[in-house]
Amino acid sequence: MMSYRYIFEDLRGNQDYAALALSQNGLVLQHMLAAFKDNSDLVTIATNQNPEAFKYASERLRGDFALAQTVLAQRPDLISHVD
């Protein structure tokens, strides 16, 4: 799969494409638009695929108790990324 950060601008802003990319590699969240990093559905897809993607979520979502609890249940070492 082509790296997300190199795709065309019209696809980069496409939420469906973002969801597909995140379902295959949650860590591509780091290269996504800020709006996608603040989208709870997309961040959930990313963290389900790879809990480490949590550190690339928006500050608001890193402070979301339910999301943080789910991630920390799998990866307690990510506690330093909870806001």
N, C-alpha and C. Protein backbone atom coordinates (compact mmCIF):
# COMPACT_ATOMS: atom_id res chain seq x y z
N MET A 1 0.84 -1.18 0.00
CA MET A 1 0.00 0.00 0.00
C MET A 1 0.88 1.24 0.00
N MET A 2 0.53 2.20 -0.83
CA MET A 2 1.27 3.45 -0.90
C MET A 2 1.17 4.19 0.43
N SER A 3 2.24 4.82 0.82
CA SER A 3 2.25 5.58 2.06
C SER A 3 1.18 6.68 2.02
N TYR A 4 0.43 6.79 3.09
CA TYR A 4 -0.67 7.76 3.17
C TYR A 4 -0.18 9.18 2.94
N ARG A 5 0.98 9.51 3.43
CA ARG A 5 1.44 10.90 3.32
C ARG A 5 1.78 11.31 1.89
N TYR A 6 1.86 10.36 0.96
CA TYR A 6 2.19 10.68 -0.42
C TYR A 6 1.00 10.63 -1.37
N ILE A 7 -0.18 10.40 -0.86
CA ILE A 7 -1.34 10.29 -1.76
C ILE A 7 -1.79 11.67 -2.22
N PHE A 8 -2.61 11.68 -3.25
CA PHE A 8 -3.12 12.92 -3.81
C PHE A 8 -3.97 13.66 -2.78
N GLU A 9 -3.95 14.98 -2.86
CA GLU A 9 -4.70 15.80 -1.91
C GLU A 9 -6.19 15.48 -1.88
N ASP A 10 -6.80 15.15 -3.02
CA ASP A 10 -8.23 14.88 -3.02
C ASP A 10 -8.55 13.60 -2.25
N LEU A 11 -7.65 12.64 -2.21
CA LEU A 11 -7.87 11.44 -1.41
C LEU A 11 -7.50 11.65 0.04
N ARG A 12 -6.54 12.49 0.28
CA ARG A 12 -6.08 12.72 1.65
C ARG A 12 -7.19 13.25 2.55
N GLY A 13 -8.12 13.99 1.99
CA GLY A 13 -9.23 14.53 2.76
C GLY A 13 -10.46 13.65 2.75
N ASN A 14 -10.37 12.46 2.20
CA ASN A 14 -11.51 11.55 2.08
C ASN A 14 -11.57 10.65 3.32
N GLN A 15 -12.64 10.80 4.09
CA GLN A 15 -12.78 10.05 5.34
C GLN A 15 -12.90 8.55 5.11
N ASP A 16 -13.55 8.15 4.04
CA ASP A 16 -13.67 6.71 3.75
C ASP A 16 -12.30 6.10 3.44
N TYR A 17 -11.51 6.83 2.67
CA TYR A 17 -10.16 6.35 2.36
C TYR A 17 -9.32 6.30 3.64
N ALA A 18 -9.48 7.32 4.48
CA ALA A 18 -8.74 7.34 5.75
C ALA A 18 -9.09 6.12 6.60
N ALA A 19 -10.38 5.79 6.67
CA ALA A 19 -10.81 4.64 7.46
C ALA A 19 -10.19 3.35 6.92
N LEU A 20 -10.17 3.22 5.61
CA LEU A 20 -9.56 2.04 4.99
C LEU A 20 -8.07 1.96 5.32
N ALA A 21 -7.37 3.08 5.17
CA ALA A 21 -5.93 3.10 5.46
C ALA A 21 -5.67 2.76 6.93
N LEU A 22 -6.47 3.32 7.83
CA LEU A 22 -6.27 3.07 9.26
C LEU A 22 -6.59 1.63 9.65
N SER A 23 -7.53 1.02 8.95
CA SER A 23 -7.86 -0.37 9.26
C SER A 23 -6.73 -1.31 8.87
N GLN A 24 -5.86 -0.87 7.97
CA GLN A 24 -4.72 -1.67 7.55
C GLN A 24 -3.46 -1.35 8.33
N ASN A 25 -3.34 -0.08 8.75
CA ASN A 25 -2.16 0.35 9.51
C ASN A 25 -2.55 1.56 10.35
N GLY A 26 -2.86 1.33 11.60
CA GLY A 26 -3.30 2.39 12.49
C GLY A 26 -2.29 3.51 12.67
N LEU A 27 -1.02 3.22 12.47
CA LEU A 27 0.01 4.24 12.68
C LEU A 27 0.02 5.33 11.62
N VAL A 28 -0.68 5.14 10.51
CA VAL A 28 -0.74 6.22 9.51
C VAL A 28 -1.53 7.41 10.04
N LEU A 29 -2.16 7.24 11.19
CA LEU A 29 -2.86 8.38 11.82
C LEU A 29 -1.92 9.56 12.00
N GLN A 30 -0.65 9.29 12.22
CA GLN A 30 0.32 10.36 12.42
C GLN A 30 0.44 11.28 11.21
N HIS A 31 0.09 10.82 10.03
CA HIS A 31 0.23 11.61 8.80
C HIS A 31 -1.10 12.20 8.34
N MET A 32 -2.15 11.99 9.10
CA MET A 32 -3.47 12.43 8.66
C MET A 32 -3.77 13.87 9.06
N LEU A 33 -4.79 14.39 8.44
CA LEU A 33 -5.24 15.74 8.75
C LEU A 33 -5.64 15.85 10.21
N ALA A 34 -5.48 17.03 10.78
CA ALA A 34 -5.83 17.25 12.18
C ALA A 34 -7.28 16.88 12.47
N ALA A 35 -8.16 17.15 11.53
CA ALA A 35 -9.58 16.82 11.72
C ALA A 35 -9.78 15.32 11.88
N PHE A 36 -8.99 14.52 11.20
CA PHE A 36 -9.10 13.07 11.31
C PHE A 36 -8.51 12.58 12.63
N LYS A 37 -7.48 13.25 13.12
CA LYS A 37 -6.89 12.89 14.41
C LYS A 37 -7.85 13.22 15.55
N ASP A 38 -8.85 14.06 15.27
CA ASP A 38 -9.84 14.45 16.27
C ASP A 38 -11.19 13.77 16.01
N ASN A 39 -11.22 12.81 15.13
CA ASN A 39 -12.45 12.08 14.79
C ASN A 39 -12.45 10.78 15.58
N SER A 40 -13.38 10.65 16.52
CA SER A 40 -13.36 9.48 17.40
C SER A 40 -13.55 8.17 16.65
N ASP A 41 -14.34 8.17 15.59
CA ASP A 41 -14.52 6.93 14.82
C ASP A 41 -13.21 6.50 14.16
N LEU A 42 -12.52 7.45 13.55
CA LEU A 42 -11.26 7.11 12.88
C LEU A 42 -10.17 6.72 13.87
N VAL A 43 -10.10 7.42 14.98
CA VAL A 43 -9.09 7.10 15.99
C VAL A 43 -9.38 5.72 16.60
N THR A 44 -10.63 5.38 16.76
CA THR A 44 -10.99 4.05 17.26
C THR A 44 -10.56 2.98 16.28
N ILE A 45 -10.78 3.21 14.98
CA ILE A 45 -10.32 2.25 13.97
C ILE A 45 -8.81 2.09 14.07
N ALA A 46 -8.11 3.21 14.18
CA ALA A 46 -6.64 3.17 14.25
C ALA A 46 -6.15 2.43 15.49
N THR A 47 -6.74 2.73 16.65
CA THR A 47 -6.26 2.11 17.88
C THR A 47 -6.68 0.64 17.99
N ASN A 48 -7.77 0.28 17.33
CA ASN A 48 -8.13 -1.14 17.29
C ASN A 48 -7.11 -1.93 16.46
N GLN A 49 -6.62 -1.30 15.40
CA GLN A 49 -5.63 -1.95 14.55
C GLN A 49 -4.26 -1.97 15.24
N ASN A 50 -3.92 -0.85 15.90
CA ASN A 50 -2.64 -0.74 16.58
C ASN A 50 -2.79 0.26 17.74
N PRO A 51 -2.85 -0.21 18.96
CA PRO A 51 -3.06 0.69 20.10
C PRO A 51 -2.06 1.84 20.17
N GLU A 52 -0.89 1.66 19.62
CA GLU A 52 0.13 2.72 19.66
C GLU A 52 -0.31 3.97 18.88
N ALA A 53 -1.27 3.82 17.99
CA ALA A 53 -1.79 4.97 17.24
C ALA A 53 -2.40 6.02 18.16
N PHE A 54 -2.74 5.62 19.37
CA PHE A 54 -3.34 6.54 20.36
C PHE A 54 -2.50 7.79 20.55
N LYS A 55 -1.19 7.65 20.50
CA LYS A 55 -0.32 8.80 20.74
C LYS A 55 -0.42 9.85 19.64
N TYR A 56 -1.03 9.51 18.50
CA TYR A 56 -1.20 10.47 17.40
C TYR A 56 -2.60 11.08 17.37
N ALA A 57 -3.46 10.66 18.29
CA ALA A 57 -4.81 11.23 18.37
C ALA A 57 -4.72 12.67 18.88
N SER A 58 -5.77 13.42 18.65
CA SER A 58 -5.81 14.81 19.13
C SER A 58 -5.74 14.83 20.66
N GLU A 59 -5.37 15.96 21.18
CA GLU A 59 -5.30 16.13 22.63
C GLU A 59 -6.67 15.85 23.26
N ARG A 60 -7.72 16.31 22.61
CA ARG A 60 -9.08 16.10 23.12
C ARG A 60 -9.38 14.61 23.26
N LEU A 61 -9.05 13.84 22.22
CA LEU A 61 -9.34 12.40 22.27
C LEU A 61 -8.39 11.65 23.20
N ARG A 62 -7.17 12.13 23.35
CA ARG A 62 -6.26 11.50 24.32
C ARG A 62 -6.77 11.71 25.74
N GLY A 63 -7.63 12.70 25.93
CA GLY A 63 -8.24 12.94 27.23
C GLY A 63 -9.59 12.27 27.40
N ASP A 64 -10.06 11.56 26.37
CA ASP A 64 -11.34 10.86 26.44
C ASP A 64 -11.19 9.60 27.29
N PHE A 65 -11.90 9.57 28.41
CA PHE A 65 -11.72 8.48 29.38
C PHE A 65 -11.99 7.11 28.78
N ALA A 66 -13.09 6.97 28.07
CA ALA A 66 -13.46 5.66 27.52
C ALA A 66 -12.44 5.17 26.50
N LEU A 67 -11.99 6.06 25.62
CA LEU A 67 -10.99 5.68 24.62
C LEU A 67 -9.67 5.33 25.31
N ALA A 68 -9.25 6.17 26.24
CA ALA A 68 -7.99 5.92 26.95
C ALA A 68 -8.05 4.59 27.71
N GLN A 69 -9.17 4.32 28.35
CA GLN A 69 -9.32 3.08 29.10
C GLN A 69 -9.19 1.86 28.19
N THR A 70 -9.80 1.92 27.01
CA THR A 70 -9.72 0.81 26.06
C THR A 70 -8.28 0.58 25.61
N VAL A 71 -7.60 1.66 25.28
CA VAL A 71 -6.21 1.55 24.82
C VAL A 71 -5.30 1.05 25.93
N LEU A 72 -5.47 1.61 27.12
CA LEU A 72 -4.59 1.23 28.24
C LEU A 72 -4.81 -0.22 28.69
N ALA A 73 -5.99 -0.75 28.45
CA ALA A 73 -6.24 -2.16 28.77
C ALA A 73 -5.35 -3.07 27.92
N GLN A 74 -5.03 -2.61 26.71
CA GLN A 74 -4.18 -3.39 25.82
C GLN A 74 -2.71 -3.02 25.97
N ARG A 75 -2.48 -1.72 26.18
CA ARG A 75 -1.09 -1.22 26.23
C ARG A 75 -0.92 -0.23 27.39
N PRO A 76 -0.76 -0.72 28.61
CA PRO A 76 -0.60 0.18 29.76
C PRO A 76 0.60 1.12 29.64
N ASP A 77 1.57 0.75 28.85
CA ASP A 77 2.76 1.59 28.69
C ASP A 77 2.46 2.90 27.97
N LEU A 78 1.27 3.03 27.37
CA LEU A 78 0.91 4.27 26.67
C LEU A 78 0.30 5.31 27.60
N ILE A 79 0.32 5.08 28.90
CA ILE A 79 -0.27 5.99 29.87
C ILE A 79 0.29 7.40 29.75
N SER A 80 1.53 7.53 29.35
CA SER A 80 2.14 8.86 29.24
C SER A 80 1.51 9.70 28.12
N HIS A 81 0.72 9.08 27.26
CA HIS A 81 0.08 9.80 26.16
C HIS A 81 -1.35 10.20 26.49
N VAL A 82 -1.82 9.85 27.68
CA VAL A 82 -3.17 10.24 28.08
C VAL A 82 -3.10 11.66 28.62
N ASP A 83 -4.02 12.49 28.13
CA ASP A 83 -4.08 13.89 28.61
C ASP A 83 -5.17 14.05 29.64
